[in-house]
Amino acid sequence: MILFLKDHLPLPSEIEGVYIEPFVGGGAVFFHLQPPIALLADANPELIDIYRGIRYSPKAVWKLYCKFGGTKQDYQYVRDQIASESLTERAARMLFLNRTCFKGMWRHNKEGNFNVGYGGQARRWVITEKDLQLTCGFLRKAKLRCSDFEDTIDLAKEGDFLFLDPPYRPGSREYMNDHYVGQKFDFSEHQRLSIVLQKAKRRGANWAMTTSSHPDIVNLFKKNYAQDIPQGTGKMPGITTKNSGEVFISSYKAEGGKKL
């Protein structure tokens, strides 16, 4: 995905204002672009806690991260216990769960509790203390915000650039699993997203988004530009396919984009 996006997103030097991500998730695009000024947001408070903890004290987070056990029972205990009031403890806990859960998924039940099963320790030690230190350096250039996407997009003004990767299932109209902080990101959410992005465009902000190629979703963004993303994981996580079921939509004409 990054290989595709790097040819379709502006360079950091070309962004006049603030780089904004309302659905920051894993932050792959932010860390790739490394913009000098950024606003990173997500509705998931546990995710924002990870970023805030690493930005505040990467050494302390790493030390606590290393203390967690390495068995399935250890994982289940950490997953099911009540989160600490300490930011560094909350960050270390959720980082541990993210790196040891099944395929790195992030899913909540209707009560808002993380409920992904155990996935093993293989992904846990791919990251190092040095990685957290580097991440800390990048995050200190950004503001972090836990909020609904509409509240974040409404902050965008002339010269700002938004990149969006909302929850979606490739090729589908709605994401029907309990995924978006215990909620469903259904078609009405895509409709709301299209409205606030059009408002941001009228204010002079540019934006780009990866989303489902389902016609009902693409049709929400008429008078913008779109093109199919040629390769991705599609509907089977971890399996690359030439028919990704995803589309790149932008308020500006990117290479290969066609006006809707």
Protein backbone atom coordinates (compact mmCIF):
# COMPACT_ATOMS: atom_id res chain seq x y z
CA MET A 1 0.00 0.00 0.00
CA ILE A 2 2.77 2.46 0.91
CA LEU A 3 4.42 1.83 -2.47
CA PHE A 4 1.20 2.96 -4.15
CA LEU A 5 0.50 5.87 -1.83
CA LYS A 6 3.95 7.44 -2.03
CA ASP A 7 3.32 8.28 -5.68
CA HIS A 8 -0.12 9.76 -4.98
CA LEU A 9 0.36 11.82 -1.83
CA PRO A 10 2.07 15.20 -1.58
CA LEU A 11 5.57 15.44 -0.19
CA PRO A 12 5.80 16.95 3.30
CA SER A 13 7.40 20.06 1.77
CA GLU A 14 4.32 20.48 -0.44
CA ILE A 15 1.91 20.63 2.52
CA GLU A 16 1.45 24.29 3.41
CA GLY A 17 -0.33 23.69 6.70
CA VAL A 18 -0.87 20.76 9.07
CA TYR A 19 -0.86 17.08 8.13
CA ILE A 20 -3.97 15.51 9.71
CA GLU A 21 -5.01 11.87 10.18
CA PRO A 22 -8.49 11.41 11.72
CA PHE A 23 -8.12 7.57 11.69
CA VAL A 24 -4.45 7.23 12.55
CA GLY A 25 -4.51 3.48 13.31
CA GLY A 26 -0.97 2.13 12.95
CA GLY A 27 0.22 5.45 11.55
CA ALA A 28 2.10 3.88 8.60
CA VAL A 29 1.59 6.88 6.32
CA PHE A 30 2.52 9.39 9.02
CA PHE A 31 5.73 7.55 9.85
CA HIS A 32 6.57 7.21 6.16
CA LEU A 33 6.00 10.88 5.31
CA GLN A 34 7.38 12.30 8.58
CA PRO A 35 5.63 15.69 8.20
CA PRO A 36 7.06 18.50 10.34
CA ILE A 37 3.64 19.44 11.78
CA ALA A 38 0.89 16.88 12.33
CA LEU A 39 -2.37 16.19 14.11
CA LEU A 40 -3.01 12.49 14.73
CA ALA A 41 -6.41 11.39 15.97
CA ASP A 42 -8.51 8.31 16.51
CA ALA A 43 -11.70 7.45 18.36
CA ASN A 44 -9.93 4.58 20.11
CA PRO A 45 -8.60 5.86 23.48
CA GLU A 46 -6.43 2.77 23.99
CA LEU A 47 -4.62 3.40 20.73
CA ILE A 48 -4.02 7.05 21.57
CA ASP A 49 -2.72 5.94 24.98
CA ILE A 50 -0.03 3.86 23.25
CA TYR A 51 1.13 6.86 21.26
CA ARG A 52 0.97 9.22 24.23
CA GLY A 53 2.86 6.78 26.45
CA ILE A 54 5.63 6.27 23.89
CA ARG A 55 5.91 10.00 23.26
CA TYR A 56 6.05 10.74 26.98
CA SER A 57 8.40 7.97 28.16
CA PRO A 58 9.50 5.31 25.66
CA LYS A 59 12.01 3.75 28.10
CA ALA A 60 9.38 3.27 30.80
CA VAL A 61 6.91 1.76 28.31
CA TRP A 62 9.57 -0.62 27.00
CA LYS A 63 10.59 -1.72 30.50
CA LEU A 64 7.00 -2.59 31.41
CA TYR A 65 6.39 -4.22 28.00
CA CYS A 66 9.28 -6.62 28.60
CA LYS A 67 7.89 -7.70 31.99
CA PHE A 68 4.74 -9.32 30.61
CA GLY A 69 4.76 -13.14 30.43
CA GLY A 70 5.05 -15.18 27.27
CA THR A 71 2.22 -17.71 27.48
CA LYS A 72 -1.37 -17.78 26.30
CA GLN A 73 -2.51 -17.62 29.91
CA ASP A 74 -0.35 -14.52 30.48
CA TYR A 75 -1.91 -12.90 27.43
CA GLN A 76 -5.46 -13.65 28.58
CA TYR A 77 -4.73 -12.31 32.06
CA VAL A 78 -3.35 -9.03 30.70
CA ARG A 79 -6.19 -8.73 28.18
CA ASP A 80 -8.94 -9.29 30.73
CA GLN A 81 -7.60 -7.25 33.63
CA ILE A 82 -8.71 -3.67 34.30
CA ALA A 83 -6.39 -1.10 32.77
CA SER A 84 -4.16 0.88 35.11
CA GLU A 85 -4.58 4.58 35.78
CA SER A 86 -0.92 5.09 34.82
CA LEU A 87 -0.40 6.22 31.21
CA THR A 88 2.83 4.26 30.80
CA GLU A 89 1.22 1.08 32.17
CA ARG A 90 -1.79 1.48 29.87
CA ALA A 91 0.50 2.08 26.88
CA ALA A 92 2.68 -0.95 27.66
CA ARG A 93 -0.37 -3.17 28.19
CA MET A 94 -2.03 -2.28 24.90
CA LEU A 95 1.25 -2.45 22.98
CA PHE A 96 1.76 -5.95 24.38
CA LEU A 97 -1.77 -7.01 23.43
CA ASN A 98 -1.43 -5.57 19.93
CA ARG A 99 1.87 -7.38 19.34
CA THR A 100 0.72 -10.76 20.71
CA CYS A 101 -2.93 -10.95 19.66
CA PHE A 102 -4.17 -12.86 16.61
CA LYS A 103 -2.75 -11.22 13.43
CA GLY A 104 -2.47 -7.84 15.14
CA MET A 105 -6.23 -7.34 14.93
CA TRP A 106 -7.93 -4.62 16.93
CA ARG A 107 -11.48 -5.54 17.84
CA HIS A 108 -13.78 -4.63 20.72
CA ASN A 109 -17.01 -6.18 21.94
CA LYS A 110 -20.19 -4.20 22.49
CA GLU A 111 -19.01 -3.25 25.98
CA GLY A 112 -15.92 -1.65 24.43
CA ASN A 113 -13.47 -4.27 25.75
CA PHE A 114 -10.61 -5.59 23.64
CA ASN A 115 -11.51 -9.19 22.83
CA VAL A 116 -9.05 -10.58 20.27
CA GLY A 117 -7.65 -14.07 20.90
CA TYR A 118 -4.01 -14.99 21.46
CA GLY A 119 -1.69 -15.03 18.44
CA GLY A 120 1.71 -15.97 19.85
CA GLN A 121 4.99 -14.22 20.62
CA ALA A 122 6.52 -14.05 17.11
CA ARG A 123 5.50 -10.44 16.50
CA ARG A 124 6.36 -9.27 20.00
CA TRP A 125 10.13 -9.06 19.66
CA VAL A 126 10.19 -7.68 16.12
CA ILE A 127 10.13 -4.27 17.79
CA THR A 128 12.95 -3.01 20.02
CA GLU A 129 13.57 -0.24 22.52
CA LYS A 130 15.32 1.65 19.72
CA ASP A 131 12.11 1.51 17.66
CA LEU A 132 10.19 3.11 20.51
CA GLN A 133 12.82 5.82 20.84
CA LEU A 134 12.57 6.59 17.11
CA THR A 135 8.78 6.58 17.31
CA CYS A 136 8.97 8.98 20.25
CA GLY A 137 10.98 11.43 18.13
CA PHE A 138 8.38 11.41 15.36
CA LEU A 139 5.45 11.71 17.76
CA ARG A 140 6.91 14.73 19.49
CA LYS A 141 6.32 16.63 16.25
CA ALA A 142 2.61 15.80 16.39
CA LYS A 143 -0.43 16.63 18.46
CA LEU A 144 -2.43 13.61 19.60
CA ARG A 145 -6.18 13.68 19.95
CA CYS A 146 -8.82 11.11 20.89
CA SER A 147 -11.99 12.13 19.11
CA ASP A 148 -14.63 11.28 16.55
CA PHE A 149 -13.42 11.80 12.98
CA GLU A 150 -15.88 14.63 12.33
CA ASP A 151 -14.51 16.73 15.18
CA THR A 152 -10.97 16.29 13.84
CA ILE A 153 -11.83 17.00 10.20
CA ASP A 154 -13.69 20.14 11.24
CA LEU A 155 -10.35 21.53 12.43
CA ALA A 156 -8.84 21.37 8.93
CA LYS A 157 -8.37 24.73 7.24
CA GLU A 158 -6.86 26.15 4.08
CA GLY A 159 -3.46 24.65 3.34
CA ASP A 160 -3.94 21.61 5.57
CA PHE A 161 -3.79 18.07 4.20
CA LEU A 162 -5.86 15.14 5.48
CA PHE A 163 -5.08 11.48 4.91
CA LEU A 164 -7.87 9.06 5.84
CA ASP A 165 -8.04 5.29 6.15
CA PRO A 166 -11.46 4.67 7.75
CA PRO A 167 -12.64 1.23 8.92
CA TYR A 168 -13.97 -0.76 5.96
CA ARG A 169 -14.03 -4.23 4.50
CA PRO A 170 -12.55 -4.19 0.96
CA GLY A 171 -15.25 -4.26 -1.70
CA SER A 172 -18.09 -4.12 0.84
CA ARG A 173 -20.64 -1.45 1.65
CA GLU A 174 -20.37 -1.72 5.44
CA TYR A 175 -18.03 -3.03 8.08
CA MET A 176 -20.44 -5.21 10.03
CA ASN A 177 -18.13 -6.69 12.69
CA ASP A 178 -17.78 -5.09 16.11
CA HIS A 179 -14.54 -3.31 15.32
CA TYR A 180 -14.72 0.44 15.55
CA VAL A 181 -14.34 0.87 19.33
CA GLY A 182 -17.26 -1.46 19.99
CA GLN A 183 -19.37 0.03 17.20
CA LYS A 184 -20.10 -0.74 13.56
CA PHE A 185 -18.74 1.55 10.87
CA ASP A 186 -21.80 1.29 8.66
CA PHE A 187 -22.90 3.11 5.52
CA SER A 188 -24.29 6.04 7.48
CA GLU A 189 -20.78 6.68 8.82
CA HIS A 190 -19.40 6.77 5.27
CA GLN A 191 -22.14 9.25 4.38
CA ARG A 192 -21.22 11.44 7.34
CA LEU A 193 -17.56 11.22 6.37
CA SER A 194 -18.28 12.35 2.81
CA ILE A 195 -20.20 15.41 4.04
CA VAL A 196 -17.48 16.64 6.40
CA LEU A 197 -14.75 16.05 3.79
CA GLN A 198 -16.64 18.12 1.23
CA LYS A 199 -16.88 20.90 3.80
CA ALA A 200 -13.15 20.69 4.45
CA LYS A 201 -12.50 20.91 0.71
CA ARG A 202 -14.58 24.08 0.50
CA ARG A 203 -12.48 25.56 3.31
CA GLY A 204 -9.35 25.01 1.21
CA ALA A 205 -8.03 21.78 2.74
CA ASN A 206 -6.93 18.92 0.47
CA TRP A 207 -7.51 15.29 1.36
CA ALA A 208 -6.87 11.74 0.19
CA MET A 209 -8.44 8.51 1.35
CA THR A 210 -8.24 4.77 0.94
CA THR A 211 -11.60 3.05 1.24
CA SER A 212 -13.84 0.28 -0.10
CA SER A 213 -14.43 0.23 -3.84
CA HIS A 214 -18.12 -0.58 -3.35
CA PRO A 215 -20.08 1.65 -5.80
CA ASP A 216 -22.36 3.06 -3.09
CA ILE A 217 -19.35 4.35 -1.17
CA VAL A 218 -17.47 5.68 -4.21
CA ASN A 219 -20.60 7.53 -5.36
CA LEU A 220 -20.60 9.54 -2.15
CA PHE A 221 -17.52 11.41 -3.36
CA LYS A 222 -18.60 12.80 -6.71
CA LYS A 223 -16.63 15.76 -8.12
CA ASN A 224 -13.48 14.29 -6.61
CA TYR A 225 -10.96 11.88 -8.17
CA ALA A 226 -10.71 8.12 -7.82
CA GLN A 227 -8.72 5.13 -8.97
CA ASP A 228 -8.56 1.48 -7.99
CA ILE A 229 -5.68 0.42 -5.79
CA PRO A 230 -4.08 -2.35 -7.88
CA GLN A 231 -2.73 -4.60 -5.15
CA GLY A 232 -3.53 -5.23 -1.51
CA THR A 233 -4.70 -7.78 1.05
CA GLY A 234 -8.30 -7.78 -0.13
CA LYS A 235 -10.82 -9.68 1.98
CA MET A 236 -8.26 -12.21 3.26
CA PRO A 237 -5.88 -10.63 5.81
CA GLY A 238 -2.24 -11.45 5.14
CA ILE A 239 -2.86 -12.68 1.59
CA THR A 240 -1.88 -10.30 -1.22
CA THR A 241 -4.20 -10.08 -4.22
CA LYS A 242 -4.28 -8.08 -7.44
CA ASN A 243 -7.96 -7.31 -6.82
CA SER A 244 -7.72 -5.43 -3.54
CA GLY A 245 -11.32 -4.20 -3.45
CA GLU A 246 -9.94 -0.82 -2.39
CA VAL A 247 -9.98 2.58 -4.03
CA PHE A 248 -7.95 5.77 -3.64
CA ILE A 249 -10.12 8.91 -3.60
CA SER A 250 -8.70 12.43 -3.44
CA SER A 251 -9.88 16.02 -3.59
CA TYR A 252 -7.06 16.74 -6.07
CA LYS A 253 -6.07 15.03 -9.29
CA ALA A 254 -3.41 12.45 -8.48
CA GLU A 255 -1.59 10.46 -11.14
CA GLY A 256 -4.07 8.03 -12.75
CA GLY A 257 -7.09 9.53 -10.99
CA LYS A 258 -10.36 10.06 -12.84
CA LYS A 259 -13.02 12.56 -11.88
CA LEU A 260 -16.15 11.02 -10.41
